[in-house]
Amino acid sequence: MNAKASIPRVLVPIFLAVSGIAMAQESNRNRTLLINGHSSQVPVIQVDGRRYVDLEALASALNGTLSFAGSEVAFSLPSSPAPTGSSTGIAESTAAPAQAANTAELSKGFLSAGIEAAATLREWHAALASSIQNGYPVTVGALAPYRLESTTTLRLASVAVSTESDRRAFHLLSNLFQNMGELTDKYVTARSKLTFISPDALQNDRLNQRLVTCGHSLSAMAVSAQFVDDGSCN
């Protein structure tokens, strides 16, 4: 079965739609959405004085993507407008800019999800570091909640990928996740074998140093909202 066909139709208030969209002023209750002054196939329904549009129809008209993950609904738009004569039947109101679009730019949806995923990885790393530095038992059970939360946020980041730059950045984020899992397993195994773990073990751990350097690189990428691969996460 087509995954999109199984997704229930979602109605959202029209005042939450993207900027630049205006509604046609017909007198009947069921209206048609104007996008940048051009008619679309997106119906507008008025219920109890409030106006709604079908979110899937809106995504299709704007060449956007709509995806679901648990209670999250990801609505992403392309970084540049749809070309004139596209399948949506909506013509551009202005000519395309002469300069090429910045293909390294990360989409807003992925950037938000990626930042959240990186934050949970930092929490996981902090929990591991605290256990080692304070001599607490480094066990699977103690760190399992952090691994689970990071797994969840990483999956949400994968759903939010909508551009090539997003995909490449997600690959680096996935590498960070894998390295964090490897680092955790290393010390959990050492603890299970009753191997002595020095409180400053992470300071001289090459895998940990790589992980920290990669984290800094991804943080800088998030600040600039641009994909940059400096090799530290490979």
C-alpha atoms as a PDB file:
ATOM      1  CA  MET A   1       0.000   0.000   0.000  1.00  0.00           C
ATOM      2  CA  ASN A   2       1.194   3.492  -0.800  1.00  0.00           C
ATOM      3  CA  ALA A   3       2.360   5.081   2.457  1.00  0.00           C
ATOM      4  CA  LYS A   4       0.877   8.417   1.546  1.00  0.00           C
ATOM      5  CA  ALA A   5      -2.500   6.847   0.847  1.00  0.00           C
ATOM      6  CA  SER A   6      -2.622   5.434   4.368  1.00  0.00           C
ATOM      7  CA  ILE A   7      -2.016   8.792   5.985  1.00  0.00           C
ATOM      8  CA  PRO A   8      -5.236  10.438   7.178  1.00  0.00           C
ATOM      9  CA  ARG A   9      -6.137  13.817   5.793  1.00  0.00           C
ATOM     10  CA  VAL A  10      -5.047  16.606   8.117  1.00  0.00           C
ATOM     11  CA  LEU A  11      -6.872  19.927   8.362  1.00  0.00           C
ATOM     12  CA  VAL A  12      -5.071  22.998   9.670  1.00  0.00           C
ATOM     13  CA  PRO A  13      -6.308  26.561  10.215  1.00  0.00           C
ATOM     14  CA  ILE A  14      -5.593  28.700   7.196  1.00  0.00           C
ATOM     15  CA  PHE A  15      -3.918  31.339   9.339  1.00  0.00           C
ATOM     16  CA  LEU A  16      -1.124  28.797   9.975  1.00  0.00           C
ATOM     17  CA  ALA A  17      -0.375  28.413   6.242  1.00  0.00           C
ATOM     18  CA  VAL A  18       2.855  29.749   4.750  1.00  0.00           C
ATOM     19  CA  SER A  19       3.275  33.464   4.114  1.00  0.00           C
ATOM     20  CA  GLY A  20       2.480  34.780   0.656  1.00  0.00           C
ATOM     21  CA  ILE A  21      -0.783  32.815   0.434  1.00  0.00           C
ATOM     22  CA  ALA A  22      -4.067  34.683   0.136  1.00  0.00           C
ATOM     23  CA  MET A  23      -7.611  33.364  -0.049  1.00  0.00           C
ATOM     24  CA  ALA A  24     -10.018  34.045  -2.913  1.00  0.00           C
ATOM     25  CA  GLN A  25     -12.972  36.182  -1.882  1.00  0.00           C
ATOM     26  CA  GLU A  26     -15.854  34.126  -3.291  1.00  0.00           C
ATOM     27  CA  SER A  27     -19.155  34.472  -1.537  1.00  0.00           C
ATOM     28  CA  ASN A  28     -19.763  30.718  -1.066  1.00  0.00           C
ATOM     29  CA  ARG A  29     -18.502  28.842   1.991  1.00  0.00           C
ATOM     30  CA  ASN A  30     -16.232  26.432   0.112  1.00  0.00           C
ATOM     31  CA  ARG A  31     -13.466  28.492  -1.451  1.00  0.00           C
ATOM     32  CA  THR A  32     -10.283  28.050  -3.443  1.00  0.00           C
ATOM     33  CA  LEU A  33      -6.835  29.072  -2.246  1.00  0.00           C
ATOM     34  CA  LEU A  34      -4.821  31.662  -4.169  1.00  0.00           C
ATOM     35  CA  ILE A  35      -1.064  31.120  -3.969  1.00  0.00           C
ATOM     36  CA  ASN A  36       0.983  34.180  -4.872  1.00  0.00           C
ATOM     37  CA  GLY A  37      -2.078  35.468  -6.727  1.00  0.00           C
ATOM     38  CA  HIS A  38      -2.625  32.285  -8.735  1.00  0.00           C
ATOM     39  CA  SER A  39      -5.499  29.843  -8.371  1.00  0.00           C
ATOM     40  CA  SER A  40      -4.687  26.377  -7.021  1.00  0.00           C
ATOM     41  CA  GLN A  41      -6.566  23.126  -6.559  1.00  0.00           C
ATOM     42  CA  VAL A  42      -6.471  23.498  -2.765  1.00  0.00           C
ATOM     43  CA  PRO A  43      -9.999  23.785  -1.350  1.00  0.00           C
ATOM     44  CA  VAL A  44     -10.771  26.040   1.610  1.00  0.00           C
ATOM     45  CA  ILE A  45     -13.512  24.915   3.962  1.00  0.00           C
ATOM     46  CA  GLN A  46     -15.221  27.202   6.461  1.00  0.00           C
ATOM     47  CA  VAL A  47     -16.433  25.569   9.685  1.00  0.00           C
ATOM     48  CA  ASP A  48     -17.894  27.555  12.585  1.00  0.00           C
ATOM     49  CA  GLY A  49     -16.406  30.788  11.280  1.00  0.00           C
ATOM     50  CA  ARG A  50     -12.876  29.354  10.864  1.00  0.00           C
ATOM     51  CA  ARG A  51     -11.244  28.416   7.583  1.00  0.00           C
ATOM     52  CA  TYR A  52      -9.288  25.218   6.968  1.00  0.00           C
ATOM     53  CA  VAL A  53      -7.245  23.685   4.168  1.00  0.00           C
ATOM     54  CA  ASP A  54      -6.214  20.101   3.484  1.00  0.00           C
ATOM     55  CA  LEU A  55      -2.546  19.914   4.492  1.00  0.00           C
ATOM     56  CA  GLU A  56      -1.723  17.190   1.954  1.00  0.00           C
ATOM     57  CA  ALA A  57      -3.300  19.201  -0.869  1.00  0.00           C
ATOM     58  CA  LEU A  58      -1.342  22.274   0.235  1.00  0.00           C
ATOM     59  CA  ALA A  59       1.921  20.299   0.290  1.00  0.00           C
ATOM     60  CA  SER A  60       1.202  18.980  -3.206  1.00  0.00           C
ATOM     61  CA  ALA A  61       0.396  22.455  -4.565  1.00  0.00           C
ATOM     62  CA  LEU A  62       3.648  23.864  -3.178  1.00  0.00           C
ATOM     63  CA  ASN A  63       5.791  20.878  -4.198  1.00  0.00           C
ATOM     64  CA  GLY A  64       6.403  20.297  -0.491  1.00  0.00           C
ATOM     65  CA  THR A  65       6.634  17.097   1.507  1.00  0.00           C
ATOM     66  CA  LEU A  66       4.460  15.842   4.349  1.00  0.00           C
ATOM     67  CA  SER A  67       5.567  13.073   6.699  1.00  0.00           C
ATOM     68  CA  PHE A  68       4.531  11.626  10.027  1.00  0.00           C
ATOM     69  CA  ALA A  69       6.506  10.160  12.948  1.00  0.00           C
ATOM     70  CA  GLY A  70       4.552   9.402  16.095  1.00  0.00           C
ATOM     71  CA  SER A  71       2.880  12.615  17.227  1.00  0.00           C
ATOM     72  CA  GLU A  72       5.076  14.733  14.908  1.00  0.00           C
ATOM     73  CA  VAL A  73       3.880  16.085  11.550  1.00  0.00           C
ATOM     74  CA  ALA A  74       6.734  17.339   9.350  1.00  0.00           C
ATOM     75  CA  PHE A  75       5.758  19.831   6.633  1.00  0.00           C
ATOM     76  CA  SER A  76       8.706  20.877   4.441  1.00  0.00           C
ATOM     77  CA  LEU A  77       8.869  23.234   1.482  1.00  0.00           C
ATOM     78  CA  PRO A  78      11.507  23.233  -1.285  1.00  0.00           C
ATOM     79  CA  SER A  79      14.264  25.831  -0.981  1.00  0.00           C
ATOM     80  CA  SER A  80      13.212  27.421  -4.305  1.00  0.00           C
ATOM     81  CA  PRO A  81       9.752  27.996  -5.877  1.00  0.00           C
ATOM     82  CA  ALA A  82       8.221  25.455  -8.245  1.00  0.00           C
ATOM     83  CA  PRO A  83       9.068  26.144 -11.923  1.00  0.00           C
ATOM     84  CA  THR A  84       6.503  27.662 -14.262  1.00  0.00           C
ATOM     85  CA  GLY A  85       4.310  25.053 -15.900  1.00  0.00           C
ATOM     86  CA  SER A  86       4.788  22.489 -13.134  1.00  0.00           C
ATOM     87  CA  SER A  87       2.198  19.796 -12.398  1.00  0.00           C
ATOM     88  CA  THR A  88       0.587  22.065  -9.799  1.00  0.00           C
ATOM     89  CA  GLY A  89      -0.563  24.441 -12.524  1.00  0.00           C
ATOM     90  CA  ILE A  90       0.669  27.427 -10.473  1.00  0.00           C
ATOM     91  CA  ALA A  91       2.824  29.924 -12.332  1.00  0.00           C
ATOM     92  CA  GLU A  92       5.523  31.919 -10.632  1.00  0.00           C
ATOM     93  CA  SER A  93       4.659  35.552 -10.013  1.00  0.00           C
ATOM     94  CA  THR A  94       8.254  36.693 -10.389  1.00  0.00           C
ATOM     95  CA  ALA A  95      11.211  35.624 -12.500  1.00  0.00           C
ATOM     96  CA  ALA A  96      13.775  33.295 -10.940  1.00  0.00           C
ATOM     97  CA  PRO A  97      16.786  35.111  -9.465  1.00  0.00           C
ATOM     98  CA  ALA A  98      19.796  35.299 -11.709  1.00  0.00           C
ATOM     99  CA  GLN A  99      22.136  33.805  -9.133  1.00  0.00           C
ATOM    100  CA  ALA A 100      21.920  30.116  -8.299  1.00  0.00           C
ATOM    101  CA  ALA A 101      20.327  29.076  -5.027  1.00  0.00           C
ATOM    102  CA  ASN A 102      22.645  28.191  -2.182  1.00  0.00           C
ATOM    103  CA  THR A 103      22.608  24.403  -2.412  1.00  0.00           C
ATOM    104  CA  ALA A 104      24.544  24.054   0.858  1.00  0.00           C
ATOM    105  CA  GLU A 105      21.709  25.567   2.889  1.00  0.00           C
ATOM    106  CA  LEU A 106      19.971  23.220   5.322  1.00  0.00           C
ATOM    107  CA  SER A 107      16.187  23.173   5.367  1.00  0.00           C
ATOM    108  CA  LYS A 108      14.511  24.679   8.425  1.00  0.00           C
ATOM    109  CA  GLY A 109      12.686  21.465   9.254  1.00  0.00           C
ATOM    110  CA  PHE A 110      15.832  19.347   9.218  1.00  0.00           C
ATOM    111  CA  LEU A 111      17.871  21.996  11.028  1.00  0.00           C
ATOM    112  CA  SER A 112      15.423  22.015  13.917  1.00  0.00           C
ATOM    113  CA  ALA A 113      15.264  18.213  14.107  1.00  0.00           C
ATOM    114  CA  GLY A 114      19.038  17.898  13.747  1.00  0.00           C
ATOM    115  CA  ILE A 115      19.699  20.322  16.592  1.00  0.00           C
ATOM    116  CA  GLU A 116      17.377  18.310  18.830  1.00  0.00           C
ATOM    117  CA  ALA A 117      19.126  15.061  17.883  1.00  0.00           C
ATOM    118  CA  ALA A 118      22.550  16.577  18.595  1.00  0.00           C
ATOM    119  CA  ALA A 119      21.314  17.832  21.971  1.00  0.00           C
ATOM    120  CA  THR A 120      20.247  14.335  23.057  1.00  0.00           C
ATOM    121  CA  LEU A 121      23.636  12.989  21.974  1.00  0.00           C
ATOM    122  CA  ARG A 122      25.353  15.598  24.154  1.00  0.00           C
ATOM    123  CA  GLU A 123      23.199  14.519  27.100  1.00  0.00           C
ATOM    124  CA  TRP A 124      24.144  10.904  26.472  1.00  0.00           C
ATOM    125  CA  HIS A 125      27.836  11.804  26.320  1.00  0.00           C
ATOM    126  CA  ALA A 126      27.577  13.900  29.477  1.00  0.00           C
ATOM    127  CA  ALA A 127      25.967  10.997  31.346  1.00  0.00           C
ATOM    128  CA  LEU A 128      28.750   8.633  30.276  1.00  0.00           C
ATOM    129  CA  ALA A 129      31.463  11.155  31.174  1.00  0.00           C
ATOM    130  CA  SER A 130      29.911  11.827  34.578  1.00  0.00           C
ATOM    131  CA  SER A 131      29.784   8.101  35.389  1.00  0.00           C
ATOM    132  CA  ILE A 132      33.439   7.619  34.459  1.00  0.00           C
ATOM    133  CA  GLN A 133      34.734  10.734  36.213  1.00  0.00           C
ATOM    134  CA  ASN A 134      32.834  10.009  39.437  1.00  0.00           C
ATOM    135  CA  GLY A 135      33.486   6.278  39.509  1.00  0.00           C
ATOM    136  CA  TYR A 136      29.828   5.307  39.040  1.00  0.00           C
ATOM    137  CA  PRO A 137      28.984   1.948  37.445  1.00  0.00           C
ATOM    138  CA  VAL A 138      28.943   2.227  33.652  1.00  0.00           C
ATOM    139  CA  THR A 139      26.114  -0.167  32.798  1.00  0.00           C
ATOM    140  CA  VAL A 140      23.718  -0.771  29.931  1.00  0.00           C
ATOM    141  CA  GLY A 141      20.740  -0.027  32.164  1.00  0.00           C
ATOM    142  CA  ALA A 142      22.095   3.317  33.384  1.00  0.00           C
ATOM    143  CA  LEU A 143      22.707   4.616  29.870  1.00  0.00           C
ATOM    144  CA  ALA A 144      19.830   2.918  28.036  1.00  0.00           C
ATOM    145  CA  PRO A 145      17.385   5.876  28.426  1.00  0.00           C
ATOM    146  CA  TYR A 146      19.897   8.232  26.797  1.00  0.00           C
ATOM    147  CA  ARG A 147      20.519   5.833  23.917  1.00  0.00           C
ATOM    148  CA  LEU A 148      16.779   5.373  23.396  1.00  0.00           C
ATOM    149  CA  GLU A 149      16.076   9.116  23.339  1.00  0.00           C
ATOM    150  CA  SER A 150      18.904   9.696  20.870  1.00  0.00           C
ATOM    151  CA  THR A 151      17.581   6.898  18.658  1.00  0.00           C
ATOM    152  CA  THR A 152      14.157   8.551  18.616  1.00  0.00           C
ATOM    153  CA  THR A 153      15.401  12.058  17.793  1.00  0.00           C
ATOM    154  CA  LEU A 154      17.718  10.688  15.112  1.00  0.00           C
ATOM    155  CA  ARG A 155      14.752   8.970  13.472  1.00  0.00           C
ATOM    156  CA  LEU A 156      12.786  12.228  13.533  1.00  0.00           C
ATOM    157  CA  ALA A 157      15.757  13.981  11.916  1.00  0.00           C
ATOM    158  CA  SER A 158      15.760  11.363   9.144  1.00  0.00           C
ATOM    159  CA  VAL A 159      12.071  12.076   8.487  1.00  0.00           C
ATOM    160  CA  ALA A 160      12.818  15.799   8.176  1.00  0.00           C
ATOM    161  CA  VAL A 161      15.443  15.330   5.422  1.00  0.00           C
ATOM    162  CA  SER A 162      14.225  17.137   2.300  1.00  0.00           C
ATOM    163  CA  THR A 163      17.344  18.324   0.426  1.00  0.00           C
ATOM    164  CA  GLU A 164      20.679  16.901  -0.633  1.00  0.00           C
ATOM    165  CA  SER A 165      22.432  19.057   1.982  1.00  0.00           C
ATOM    166  CA  ASP A 166      20.066  17.661   4.610  1.00  0.00           C
ATOM    167  CA  ARG A 167      20.907  14.126   3.516  1.00  0.00           C
ATOM    168  CA  ARG A 168      24.647  14.722   3.717  1.00  0.00           C
ATOM    169  CA  ALA A 169      24.366  16.426   7.097  1.00  0.00           C
ATOM    170  CA  PHE A 170      22.210  13.567   8.382  1.00  0.00           C
ATOM    171  CA  HIS A 171      24.940  11.135   7.355  1.00  0.00           C
ATOM    172  CA  LEU A 172      27.408  12.989   9.584  1.00  0.00           C
ATOM    173  CA  LEU A 173      24.882  13.110  12.420  1.00  0.00           C
ATOM    174  CA  SER A 174      24.415   9.354  12.056  1.00  0.00           C
ATOM    175  CA  ASN A 175      28.181   8.879  12.283  1.00  0.00           C
ATOM    176  CA  LEU A 176      28.158  10.832  15.552  1.00  0.00           C
ATOM    177  CA  PHE A 177      25.405   8.565  16.867  1.00  0.00           C
ATOM    178  CA  GLN A 178      27.317   5.430  15.864  1.00  0.00           C
ATOM    179  CA  ASN A 179      30.513   6.676  17.508  1.00  0.00           C
ATOM    180  CA  MET A 180      28.630   7.513  20.682  1.00  0.00           C
ATOM    181  CA  GLY A 181      27.214   3.998  20.765  1.00  0.00           C
ATOM    182  CA  GLU A 182      30.675   2.517  20.184  1.00  0.00           C
ATOM    183  CA  LEU A 183      32.184   4.646  22.947  1.00  0.00           C
ATOM    184  CA  THR A 184      29.442   3.614  25.375  1.00  0.00           C
ATOM    185  CA  ASP A 185      29.777  -0.081  24.537  1.00  0.00           C
ATOM    186  CA  LYS A 186      33.528   0.122  25.049  1.00  0.00           C
ATOM    187  CA  TYR A 187      33.231   1.280  28.661  1.00  0.00           C
ATOM    188  CA  VAL A 188      30.214  -0.887  29.459  1.00  0.00           C
ATOM    189  CA  THR A 189      32.239  -3.924  28.337  1.00  0.00           C
ATOM    190  CA  ALA A 190      35.254  -2.815  30.378  1.00  0.00           C
ATOM    191  CA  ARG A 191      33.036  -2.433  33.451  1.00  0.00           C
ATOM    192  CA  SER A 192      31.473  -5.870  32.938  1.00  0.00           C
ATOM    193  CA  LYS A 193      34.971  -7.407  32.879  1.00  0.00           C
ATOM    194  CA  LEU A 194      35.863  -5.504  36.085  1.00  0.00           C
ATOM    195  CA  THR A 195      38.554  -3.609  34.201  1.00  0.00           C
ATOM    196  CA  PHE A 196      39.748  -0.509  36.032  1.00  0.00           C
ATOM    197  CA  ILE A 197      38.499   2.694  34.379  1.00  0.00           C
ATOM    198  CA  SER A 198      40.488   5.797  35.233  1.00  0.00           C
ATOM    199  CA  PRO A 199      38.410   8.927  36.022  1.00  0.00           C
ATOM    200  CA  ASP A 200      40.285  10.747  33.242  1.00  0.00           C
ATOM    201  CA  ALA A 201      39.994   7.890  30.750  1.00  0.00           C
ATOM    202  CA  LEU A 202      38.015   9.942  28.226  1.00  0.00           C
ATOM    203  CA  GLN A 203      40.678  12.626  28.027  1.00  0.00           C
ATOM    204  CA  ASN A 204      43.104  10.185  26.400  1.00  0.00           C
ATOM    205  CA  ASP A 205      40.513   8.242  24.416  1.00  0.00           C
ATOM    206  CA  ARG A 206      40.931   8.816  20.659  1.00  0.00           C
ATOM    207  CA  LEU A 207      37.384   7.771  19.901  1.00  0.00           C
ATOM    208  CA  ASN A 208      36.091  10.280  22.429  1.00  0.00           C
ATOM    209  CA  GLN A 209      38.293  13.006  20.961  1.00  0.00           C
ATOM    210  CA  ARG A 210      36.921  12.287  17.487  1.00  0.00           C
ATOM    211  CA  LEU A 211      33.387  12.376  18.853  1.00  0.00           C
ATOM    212  CA  VAL A 212      33.921  15.730  20.558  1.00  0.00           C
ATOM    213  CA  THR A 213      35.526  17.235  17.448  1.00  0.00           C
ATOM    214  CA  CYS A 214      32.628  16.014  15.309  1.00  0.00           C
ATOM    215  CA  GLY A 215      30.152  17.524  17.783  1.00  0.00           C
ATOM    216  CA  HIS A 216      31.857  20.897  17.519  1.00  0.00           C
ATOM    217  CA  SER A 217      31.756  20.690  13.715  1.00  0.00           C
ATOM    218  CA  LEU A 218      28.030  19.943  13.693  1.00  0.00           C
ATOM    219  CA  SER A 219      27.378  22.766  16.159  1.00  0.00           C
ATOM    220  CA  ALA A 220      29.129  25.226  13.830  1.00  0.00           C
ATOM    221  CA  MET A 221      27.078  23.848  10.934  1.00  0.00           C
ATOM    222  CA  ALA A 222      23.872  24.431  12.886  1.00  0.00           C
ATOM    223  CA  VAL A 223      24.836  28.036  13.626  1.00  0.00           C
ATOM    224  CA  SER A 224      25.524  28.795   9.954  1.00  0.00           C
ATOM    225  CA  ALA A 225      22.619  26.636   8.697  1.00  0.00           C
ATOM    226  CA  GLN A 226      24.985  25.543   5.920  1.00  0.00           C
ATOM    227  CA  PHE A 227      26.332  22.067   5.189  1.00  0.00           C
ATOM    228  CA  VAL A 228      30.105  21.925   5.623  1.00  0.00           C
ATOM    229  CA  ASP A 229      32.085  18.697   5.836  1.00  0.00           C
ATOM    230  CA  ASP A 230      35.474  19.255   7.445  1.00  0.00           C
ATOM    231  CA  GLY A 231      36.157  15.524   7.677  1.00  0.00           C
ATOM    232  CA  SER A 232      35.890  15.314  11.464  1.00  0.00           C
ATOM    233  CA  CYS A 233      32.705  13.213  11.401  1.00  0.00           C
ATOM    234  CA  ASN A 234      33.826  10.660   8.810  1.00  0.00           C
END
